[in-house]
Every structure is written in C-alpha cells, then in structure tokens.
C-alpha cells in the first residue's frame, strides 16, 4: 500500500529535499520503518530507540491524531496521507 508522508520544512533536508515521500506498509509503524530505512538521517527524528513516536512529534493520519487512534499500530490504506508536525518552542 502506498502512503504519502508530508514532512515539515525542518525535516526536508534529512529526506534529500523531499517535502512528500511515498512509503509502504500496512501500519503507520511499518510506513515509518520504510521511510527510516531509505532516509537514515530522518528515522531518529521520527521515533525513539524503541521505535515509538516521540511525545513532541505529532503524526496525523488523514487529519486524525494517531495518539488517539492506535499510535504506530494504526492501520493505513492505499492513498492515505500522514502529516508530521514537530513541536515548536521558543519565545
């Protein structure tokens, strides 16, 4: 299944300049594994050493916050879109 991952500007340089990446998998975790395998610098920015999403990075699967819908175990389908939003701090 092909899923589109939309990256924020701050992560684009870690994905060879790609703002959107096509990835494969049946769960969001598998999709992130696919992306991390192809873009090794991006993987550590998306998940921790245990392979879980960071608390400060929000993943939206078709505009639904995955924290409320199964986390990385959320099922994905062909044509789904994932948007990644890192926390921004400052003042």
C-alpha atoms as a PDB file:
ATOM      1  CA  UNK A   1       0.000   0.000   0.000  1.00  0.00           C
ATOM      2  CA  UNK A   2       1.307   3.411  -0.882  1.00  0.00           C
ATOM      3  CA  UNK A   3       1.042   6.169   1.718  1.00  0.00           C
ATOM      4  CA  UNK A   4       2.177   9.780   1.315  1.00  0.00           C
ATOM      5  CA  UNK A   5       4.156  11.293   4.172  1.00  0.00           C
ATOM      6  CA  UNK A   6       4.178  15.091   4.290  1.00  0.00           C
ATOM      7  CA  UNK A   7       7.241  16.473   6.044  1.00  0.00           C
ATOM      8  CA  UNK A   8       7.620  19.832   7.758  1.00  0.00           C
ATOM      9  CA  UNK A   9      10.260  22.154   6.351  1.00  0.00           C
ATOM     10  CA  UNK A  10      12.629  21.456   9.241  1.00  0.00           C
ATOM     11  CA  UNK A  11      12.894  17.764   8.205  1.00  0.00           C
ATOM     12  CA  UNK A  12      13.015  18.125   4.417  1.00  0.00           C
ATOM     13  CA  UNK A  13      16.820  18.315   4.258  1.00  0.00           C
ATOM     14  CA  UNK A  14      17.017  14.930   6.040  1.00  0.00           C
ATOM     15  CA  UNK A  15      14.933  13.385   3.256  1.00  0.00           C
ATOM     16  CA  UNK A  16      17.112  14.517   0.349  1.00  0.00           C
ATOM     17  CA  UNK A  17      14.980  17.637  -0.149  1.00  0.00           C
ATOM     18  CA  UNK A  18      11.680  15.754  -0.481  1.00  0.00           C
ATOM     19  CA  UNK A  19       8.710  17.519   1.073  1.00  0.00           C
ATOM     20  CA  UNK A  20       6.493  14.479   0.431  1.00  0.00           C
ATOM     21  CA  UNK A  21       7.603  10.843   0.459  1.00  0.00           C
ATOM     22  CA  UNK A  22       5.773   7.783  -0.787  1.00  0.00           C
ATOM     23  CA  UNK A  23       6.115   4.853   1.610  1.00  0.00           C
ATOM     24  CA  UNK A  24       4.745   1.348   2.016  1.00  0.00           C
ATOM     25  CA  UNK A  25       3.326  -0.600   4.956  1.00  0.00           C
ATOM     26  CA  UNK A  26       0.090  -1.800   6.498  1.00  0.00           C
ATOM     27  CA  UNK A  27       0.512   0.141   9.759  1.00  0.00           C
ATOM     28  CA  UNK A  28       1.906   3.572  10.444  1.00  0.00           C
ATOM     29  CA  UNK A  29       4.865   1.954  12.217  1.00  0.00           C
ATOM     30  CA  UNK A  30       5.710  -0.065   9.098  1.00  0.00           C
ATOM     31  CA  UNK A  31       5.440   3.081   6.980  1.00  0.00           C
ATOM     32  CA  UNK A  32       7.832   4.923   9.309  1.00  0.00           C
ATOM     33  CA  UNK A  33      10.202   1.917   9.210  1.00  0.00           C
ATOM     34  CA  UNK A  34      10.158   2.084   5.400  1.00  0.00           C
ATOM     35  CA  UNK A  35      10.999   5.790   5.422  1.00  0.00           C
ATOM     36  CA  UNK A  36      13.700   5.373   8.080  1.00  0.00           C
ATOM     37  CA  UNK A  37      15.321   2.618   6.021  1.00  0.00           C
ATOM     38  CA  UNK A  38      15.518   4.838   2.945  1.00  0.00           C
ATOM     39  CA  UNK A  39      16.416   8.055   4.773  1.00  0.00           C
ATOM     40  CA  UNK A  40      18.630   7.023   7.734  1.00  0.00           C
ATOM     41  CA  UNK A  41      19.087  10.599   8.983  1.00  0.00           C
ATOM     42  CA  UNK A  42      15.319  11.107   9.172  1.00  0.00           C
ATOM     43  CA  UNK A  43      14.472   7.978  11.189  1.00  0.00           C
ATOM     44  CA  UNK A  44      15.918   9.151  14.526  1.00  0.00           C
ATOM     45  CA  UNK A  45      13.935  12.393  14.254  1.00  0.00           C
ATOM     46  CA  UNK A  46      10.630  10.480  13.931  1.00  0.00           C
ATOM     47  CA  UNK A  47      10.942   7.783  16.591  1.00  0.00           C
ATOM     48  CA  UNK A  48      12.923   6.878  19.678  1.00  0.00           C
ATOM     49  CA  UNK A  49      15.367   3.979  20.097  1.00  0.00           C
ATOM     50  CA  UNK A  50      12.472   1.635  20.945  1.00  0.00           C
ATOM     51  CA  UNK A  51      10.765   2.510  17.663  1.00  0.00           C
ATOM     52  CA  UNK A  52       7.997   4.534  19.300  1.00  0.00           C
ATOM     53  CA  UNK A  53       6.915   8.046  18.304  1.00  0.00           C
ATOM     54  CA  UNK A  54       8.340  10.905  20.322  1.00  0.00           C
ATOM     55  CA  UNK A  55       5.899  12.783  22.527  1.00  0.00           C
ATOM     56  CA  UNK A  56       6.939  16.046  20.870  1.00  0.00           C
ATOM     57  CA  UNK A  57       6.299  14.893  17.299  1.00  0.00           C
ATOM     58  CA  UNK A  58       2.639  14.624  16.292  1.00  0.00           C
ATOM     59  CA  UNK A  59       1.577  12.342  13.459  1.00  0.00           C
ATOM     60  CA  UNK A  60      -1.731  12.886  11.709  1.00  0.00           C
ATOM     61  CA  UNK A  61      -3.163  10.063   9.620  1.00  0.00           C
ATOM     62  CA  UNK A  62      -5.732  11.587   7.284  1.00  0.00           C
ATOM     63  CA  UNK A  63      -6.060  14.530   9.708  1.00  0.00           C
ATOM     64  CA  UNK A  64      -6.542  12.241  12.745  1.00  0.00           C
ATOM     65  CA  UNK A  65      -4.049  12.420  15.610  1.00  0.00           C
ATOM     66  CA  UNK A  66      -2.566   8.915  15.843  1.00  0.00           C
ATOM     67  CA  UNK A  67      -2.115   9.258  19.610  1.00  0.00           C
ATOM     68  CA  UNK A  68      -5.891   8.827  19.822  1.00  0.00           C
ATOM     69  CA  UNK A  69      -6.146   6.164  17.104  1.00  0.00           C
ATOM     70  CA  UNK A  70      -3.639   3.385  17.745  1.00  0.00           C
ATOM     71  CA  UNK A  71      -0.273   5.124  17.574  1.00  0.00           C
ATOM     72  CA  UNK A  72       2.201   3.427  15.247  1.00  0.00           C
ATOM     73  CA  UNK A  73      -0.134   0.406  15.237  1.00  0.00           C
ATOM     74  CA  UNK A  74      -2.776   2.411  13.332  1.00  0.00           C
ATOM     75  CA  UNK A  75      -3.769   0.684  10.096  1.00  0.00           C
ATOM     76  CA  UNK A  76      -3.061   2.564   6.885  1.00  0.00           C
ATOM     77  CA  UNK A  77      -4.567   2.117   3.450  1.00  0.00           C
ATOM     78  CA  UNK A  78      -3.584   2.865  -0.111  1.00  0.00           C
ATOM     79  CA  UNK A  79      -3.717   6.614  -0.724  1.00  0.00           C
ATOM     80  CA  UNK A  80      -3.647   7.617   2.963  1.00  0.00           C
ATOM     81  CA  UNK A  81      -1.724  10.722   3.960  1.00  0.00           C
ATOM     82  CA  UNK A  82       0.448  11.211   7.019  1.00  0.00           C
ATOM     83  CA  UNK A  83       1.394  14.695   8.146  1.00  0.00           C
ATOM     84  CA  UNK A  84       4.220  15.130  10.636  1.00  0.00           C
ATOM     85  CA  UNK A  85       4.207  18.139  12.943  1.00  0.00           C
ATOM     86  CA  UNK A  86       7.147  18.640  15.329  1.00  0.00           C
ATOM     87  CA  UNK A  87       6.693  20.733  18.448  1.00  0.00           C
ATOM     88  CA  UNK A  88       7.962  24.284  18.129  1.00  0.00           C
ATOM     89  CA  UNK A  89       9.221  26.105  21.190  1.00  0.00           C
ATOM     90  CA  UNK A  90      10.646  29.496  21.771  1.00  0.00           C
ATOM     91  CA  UNK A  91       9.742  32.870  22.893  1.00  0.00           C
END
